[in-house]
Amino acid sequence: MDQTELIEHVAKELDISNTQSQKLLRATLREIRDLLKDGHAVTLPQLGTFDTATYEEHRGYLPNSNSFALFPKRRVPVFRTGTLLREDVYNIESDENGVQT
């Protein structure tokens, strides 16, 4: 599913126009991004938590050049799945057979 299909599904689910759905999705994603940039975590119940991890400056090996380099301190986005999402997605056999194991 791509962004366009997601927008259409949300619009149909909420009985709103595709334009309104697109604005809703973009505003939500922009707010999550802005909060992460400020160092805040965002938890969406039943989905998971968007957060950041900070990696300290460190020396690392570059195999292509056969040398070492200094990697700067950086902050990267991370996502941890919520329990409900993990449980729903984890059991793939029940979806294939139509029977819960």
Protein backbone atom coordinates (compact mmCIF):
# COMPACT_ATOMS: atom_id res chain seq x y z
CA MET A 1 0.00 0.00 0.00
CA ASP A 2 1.36 3.41 -0.88
CA GLN A 3 0.45 6.85 0.46
CA THR A 4 -2.32 7.43 -2.09
CA GLU A 5 -4.05 4.17 -1.21
CA LEU A 6 -3.72 4.94 2.51
CA ILE A 7 -5.30 8.37 1.97
CA GLU A 8 -8.19 6.77 0.07
CA HIS A 9 -8.75 4.14 2.79
CA VAL A 10 -8.77 6.76 5.56
CA ALA A 11 -11.12 8.98 3.56
CA LYS A 12 -13.53 6.10 3.07
CA GLU A 13 -13.30 5.02 6.73
CA LEU A 14 -13.96 8.54 8.05
CA ASP A 15 -16.39 9.47 5.29
CA ILE A 16 -14.37 12.55 4.31
CA SER A 17 -12.84 13.73 1.04
CA ASN A 18 -9.45 12.53 -0.17
CA THR A 19 -8.16 16.11 0.19
CA GLN A 20 -9.19 16.25 3.84
CA SER A 21 -7.68 12.82 4.42
CA GLN A 22 -4.41 13.91 2.79
CA LYS A 23 -4.28 17.04 4.98
CA LEU A 24 -4.94 14.92 8.07
CA LEU A 25 -2.18 12.45 7.22
CA ARG A 26 0.36 15.16 6.36
CA ALA A 27 -0.41 17.14 9.52
CA THR A 28 -0.06 14.01 11.67
CA LEU A 29 3.25 13.01 10.12
CA ARG A 30 4.59 16.59 10.30
CA GLU A 31 3.70 16.79 14.01
CA ILE A 32 5.39 13.44 14.73
CA ARG A 33 8.50 14.60 12.84
CA ASP A 34 8.61 17.94 14.69
CA LEU A 35 8.25 16.26 18.08
CA LEU A 36 11.06 13.81 17.25
CA LYS A 37 13.28 16.70 16.13
CA ASP A 38 12.72 18.30 19.55
CA GLY A 39 13.68 15.05 21.30
CA HIS A 40 10.19 13.93 22.35
CA ALA A 41 8.79 10.42 21.97
CA VAL A 42 5.37 9.85 20.39
CA THR A 43 3.31 6.85 21.51
CA LEU A 44 0.29 5.75 19.50
CA PRO A 45 -1.71 3.16 21.45
CA GLN A 46 -2.10 -0.18 19.65
CA LEU A 47 0.62 0.83 17.15
CA GLY A 48 3.86 1.66 18.94
CA THR A 49 6.31 4.39 19.90
CA PHE A 50 8.31 6.69 17.68
CA ASP A 51 11.45 7.81 19.51
CA THR A 52 15.07 8.73 18.92
CA ALA A 53 18.32 7.00 19.81
CA THR A 54 21.54 8.91 20.33
CA TYR A 55 24.83 7.41 19.20
CA GLU A 56 27.97 8.89 20.71
CA GLU A 57 30.97 9.87 18.60
CA HIS A 58 33.01 6.76 17.88
CA ARG A 59 35.78 5.41 15.74
CA GLY A 60 34.79 2.82 13.14
CA TYR A 61 36.36 0.71 10.43
CA LEU A 62 35.75 1.46 6.74
CA PRO A 63 36.24 -1.83 4.86
CA ASN A 64 36.32 -0.24 1.39
CA SER A 65 39.29 1.99 2.20
CA ASN A 66 40.86 -0.37 4.75
CA SER A 67 41.08 2.49 7.27
CA PHE A 68 39.35 3.93 10.31
CA ALA A 69 37.16 7.02 10.52
CA LEU A 70 35.62 9.12 13.26
CA PHE A 71 31.82 8.99 13.15
CA PRO A 72 30.15 12.03 14.72
CA LYS A 73 27.56 11.95 17.49
CA ARG A 74 24.13 11.58 15.93
CA ARG A 75 20.48 11.07 16.76
CA VAL A 76 18.41 8.67 14.67
CA PRO A 77 14.68 7.90 14.65
CA VAL A 78 13.56 4.51 15.96
CA PHE A 79 10.19 2.77 16.16
CA ARG A 80 9.19 0.20 18.76
CA THR A 81 6.06 -1.76 17.99
CA GLY A 82 3.26 -1.92 20.53
CA THR A 83 2.22 -5.23 22.07
CA LEU A 84 -1.11 -5.41 20.24
CA LEU A 85 0.44 -4.75 16.83
CA ARG A 86 3.25 -7.22 17.48
CA GLU A 87 0.78 -9.93 18.51
CA ASP A 88 -1.52 -9.28 15.56
CA VAL A 89 1.29 -9.42 13.00
CA TYR A 90 3.36 -12.16 14.68
CA ASN A 91 1.04 -15.12 14.22
CA ILE A 92 1.20 -15.57 10.45
CA GLU A 93 -0.04 -19.19 10.50
CA SER A 94 -3.49 -18.24 11.78
CA ASP A 95 -3.98 -15.92 8.78
CA GLU A 96 -2.95 -18.57 6.26
CA ASN A 97 -5.10 -21.36 7.66
CA GLY A 98 -7.96 -19.24 8.95
CA VAL A 99 -7.55 -20.95 12.33
CA GLN A 100 -6.11 -19.35 15.44
CA THR A 101 -3.35 -21.50 16.94
